[in-house]
Amino acid sequence: MALPNEDWKTEDADALLDAIVTLESREEASLFLRDLCTRRELEEMSQRWRIVRLLNQGIPYREIAADVGTSTATITRINQWLHHGMGGYSAMLDKHAAG
């Protein structure tokens, strides 16, 4: 039985993850994600990643909301995943800080 946070993992999701981890450049990732996602989906994912980075810098919610153009409720949800999620945000922040 899958864990509650892993119920999205399917054979198709695994195939997508396998494709993502084989991307070798920003250009390759750009081309793949642009074909895979709608423009709005890409904008939303980019916005979430920006919010994560701002939260990691200690920027207050209201300042992030004004800067990014989103609600503090959205920022709260992202912050919950940052601190109590699966660790993906933290791992990527660490990876980029080290690189």
C-alpha atoms as a PDB file:
ATOM      1  CA  MET A   1       0.000   0.000   0.000  1.00  0.00           C
ATOM      2  CA  ALA A   2       1.319   3.442  -0.970  1.00  0.00           C
ATOM      3  CA  LEU A   3       1.996   6.084   1.631  1.00  0.00           C
ATOM      4  CA  PRO A   4      -0.511   8.994   1.580  1.00  0.00           C
ATOM      5  CA  ASN A   5       2.048  11.362   0.048  1.00  0.00           C
ATOM      6  CA  GLU A   6       2.991   8.802  -2.579  1.00  0.00           C
ATOM      7  CA  ASP A   7      -0.435   7.873  -3.963  1.00  0.00           C
ATOM      8  CA  TRP A   8       0.362   9.903  -7.088  1.00  0.00           C
ATOM      9  CA  LYS A   9       3.215   7.566  -8.020  1.00  0.00           C
ATOM     10  CA  THR A  10       2.068   5.458 -10.937  1.00  0.00           C
ATOM     11  CA  GLU A  11       3.840   3.724 -13.789  1.00  0.00           C
ATOM     12  CA  ASP A  12       3.224   6.831 -15.911  1.00  0.00           C
ATOM     13  CA  ALA A  13       4.579   9.120 -13.178  1.00  0.00           C
ATOM     14  CA  ASP A  14       7.668   6.931 -12.917  1.00  0.00           C
ATOM     15  CA  ALA A  15       8.142   7.159 -16.690  1.00  0.00           C
ATOM     16  CA  LEU A  16       7.909  10.958 -16.482  1.00  0.00           C
ATOM     17  CA  LEU A  17      10.423  11.086 -13.630  1.00  0.00           C
ATOM     18  CA  ASP A  18      12.766   8.829 -15.603  1.00  0.00           C
ATOM     19  CA  ALA A  19      12.525  11.252 -18.534  1.00  0.00           C
ATOM     20  CA  ILE A  20      13.191  14.272 -16.301  1.00  0.00           C
ATOM     21  CA  VAL A  21      16.303  12.825 -14.689  1.00  0.00           C
ATOM     22  CA  THR A  22      17.829  12.182 -18.110  1.00  0.00           C
ATOM     23  CA  LEU A  23      17.654  15.853 -19.135  1.00  0.00           C
ATOM     24  CA  GLU A  24      21.212  17.071 -19.647  1.00  0.00           C
ATOM     25  CA  SER A  25      20.903  20.832 -20.102  1.00  0.00           C
ATOM     26  CA  ARG A  26      18.717  23.826 -19.399  1.00  0.00           C
ATOM     27  CA  GLU A  27      17.877  23.976 -23.120  1.00  0.00           C
ATOM     28  CA  GLU A  28      16.839  20.321 -23.185  1.00  0.00           C
ATOM     29  CA  ALA A  29      14.725  20.834 -20.051  1.00  0.00           C
ATOM     30  CA  SER A  30      13.181  23.954 -21.555  1.00  0.00           C
ATOM     31  CA  LEU A  31      12.168  22.174 -24.747  1.00  0.00           C
ATOM     32  CA  PHE A  32      10.779  19.143 -22.904  1.00  0.00           C
ATOM     33  CA  LEU A  33       8.826  21.125 -20.307  1.00  0.00           C
ATOM     34  CA  ARG A  34       7.428  23.512 -22.913  1.00  0.00           C
ATOM     35  CA  ASP A  35       6.062  20.577 -24.907  1.00  0.00           C
ATOM     36  CA  LEU A  36       4.824  18.813 -21.775  1.00  0.00           C
ATOM     37  CA  CYS A  37       3.187  21.727 -19.934  1.00  0.00           C
ATOM     38  CA  THR A  38       0.903  24.591 -20.786  1.00  0.00           C
ATOM     39  CA  ARG A  39       2.321  28.065 -20.502  1.00  0.00           C
ATOM     40  CA  ARG A  40       0.192  28.620 -17.388  1.00  0.00           C
ATOM     41  CA  GLU A  41       1.485  25.427 -15.752  1.00  0.00           C
ATOM     42  CA  LEU A  42       5.060  26.545 -16.367  1.00  0.00           C
ATOM     43  CA  GLU A  43       4.306  29.994 -14.954  1.00  0.00           C
ATOM     44  CA  GLU A  44       2.725  28.454 -11.849  1.00  0.00           C
ATOM     45  CA  MET A  45       5.660  26.088 -11.249  1.00  0.00           C
ATOM     46  CA  SER A  46       8.139  28.929 -11.771  1.00  0.00           C
ATOM     47  CA  GLN A  47       6.179  31.080  -9.340  1.00  0.00           C
ATOM     48  CA  ARG A  48       6.153  28.309  -6.701  1.00  0.00           C
ATOM     49  CA  TRP A  49       9.906  27.867  -7.018  1.00  0.00           C
ATOM     50  CA  ARG A  50      10.398  31.635  -6.689  1.00  0.00           C
ATOM     51  CA  ILE A  51       8.274  31.642  -3.528  1.00  0.00           C
ATOM     52  CA  VAL A  52      10.328  28.772  -2.076  1.00  0.00           C
ATOM     53  CA  ARG A  53      13.540  30.682  -2.703  1.00  0.00           C
ATOM     54  CA  LEU A  54      12.137  33.861  -1.144  1.00  0.00           C
ATOM     55  CA  LEU A  55      10.853  31.946   1.896  1.00  0.00           C
ATOM     56  CA  ASN A  56      14.278  30.382   2.262  1.00  0.00           C
ATOM     57  CA  GLN A  57      15.764  33.894   2.365  1.00  0.00           C
ATOM     58  CA  GLY A  58      13.419  34.773   5.245  1.00  0.00           C
ATOM     59  CA  ILE A  59      11.332  37.273   3.273  1.00  0.00           C
ATOM     60  CA  PRO A  60       7.980  37.978   5.028  1.00  0.00           C
ATOM     61  CA  TYR A  61       4.798  36.546   3.505  1.00  0.00           C
ATOM     62  CA  ARG A  62       3.255  39.939   2.742  1.00  0.00           C
ATOM     63  CA  GLU A  63       6.370  41.115   0.942  1.00  0.00           C
ATOM     64  CA  ILE A  64       6.455  37.902  -1.113  1.00  0.00           C
ATOM     65  CA  ALA A  65       2.743  38.231  -1.914  1.00  0.00           C
ATOM     66  CA  ALA A  66       3.223  41.794  -3.153  1.00  0.00           C
ATOM     67  CA  ASP A  67       6.358  40.923  -5.114  1.00  0.00           C
ATOM     68  CA  VAL A  68       5.061  37.723  -6.728  1.00  0.00           C
ATOM     69  CA  GLY A  69       1.410  38.701  -7.040  1.00  0.00           C
ATOM     70  CA  THR A  70      -0.100  35.814  -5.106  1.00  0.00           C
ATOM     71  CA  SER A  71      -2.050  35.350  -1.905  1.00  0.00           C
ATOM     72  CA  THR A  72      -0.550  34.755   1.510  1.00  0.00           C
ATOM     73  CA  ALA A  73      -2.666  31.567   1.611  1.00  0.00           C
ATOM     74  CA  THR A  74      -0.706  30.208  -1.362  1.00  0.00           C
ATOM     75  CA  ILE A  75       2.554  31.176   0.312  1.00  0.00           C
ATOM     76  CA  THR A  76       1.434  29.430   3.508  1.00  0.00           C
ATOM     77  CA  ARG A  77       0.727  26.203   1.594  1.00  0.00           C
ATOM     78  CA  ILE A  78       4.120  26.352  -0.126  1.00  0.00           C
ATOM     79  CA  ASN A  79       5.822  27.033   3.208  1.00  0.00           C
ATOM     80  CA  GLN A  80       4.090  23.972   4.700  1.00  0.00           C
ATOM     81  CA  TRP A  81       5.541  21.795   1.919  1.00  0.00           C
ATOM     82  CA  LEU A  82       8.925  23.469   2.351  1.00  0.00           C
ATOM     83  CA  HIS A  83       9.051  22.568   6.048  1.00  0.00           C
ATOM     84  CA  HIS A  84       6.812  19.503   6.319  1.00  0.00           C
ATOM     85  CA  GLY A  85       6.752  17.986   2.848  1.00  0.00           C
ATOM     86  CA  MET A  86       8.831  15.229   1.327  1.00  0.00           C
ATOM     87  CA  GLY A  87      12.075  17.235   1.454  1.00  0.00           C
ATOM     88  CA  GLY A  88      12.268  17.951  -2.256  1.00  0.00           C
ATOM     89  CA  TYR A  89      12.315  21.722  -1.910  1.00  0.00           C
ATOM     90  CA  SER A  90      15.017  21.603   0.769  1.00  0.00           C
ATOM     91  CA  ALA A  91      17.140  19.167  -1.213  1.00  0.00           C
ATOM     92  CA  MET A  92      16.978  21.369  -4.297  1.00  0.00           C
ATOM     93  CA  LEU A  93      17.752  24.514  -2.286  1.00  0.00           C
ATOM     94  CA  ASP A  94      20.780  22.753  -0.778  1.00  0.00           C
ATOM     95  CA  LYS A  95      21.885  21.503  -4.179  1.00  0.00           C
ATOM     96  CA  HIS A  96      21.743  24.977  -5.699  1.00  0.00           C
ATOM     97  CA  ALA A  97      23.459  26.586  -2.712  1.00  0.00           C
ATOM     98  CA  ALA A  98      26.343  24.132  -3.055  1.00  0.00           C
ATOM     99  CA  GLY A  99      26.625  24.599  -6.818  1.00  0.00           C
END
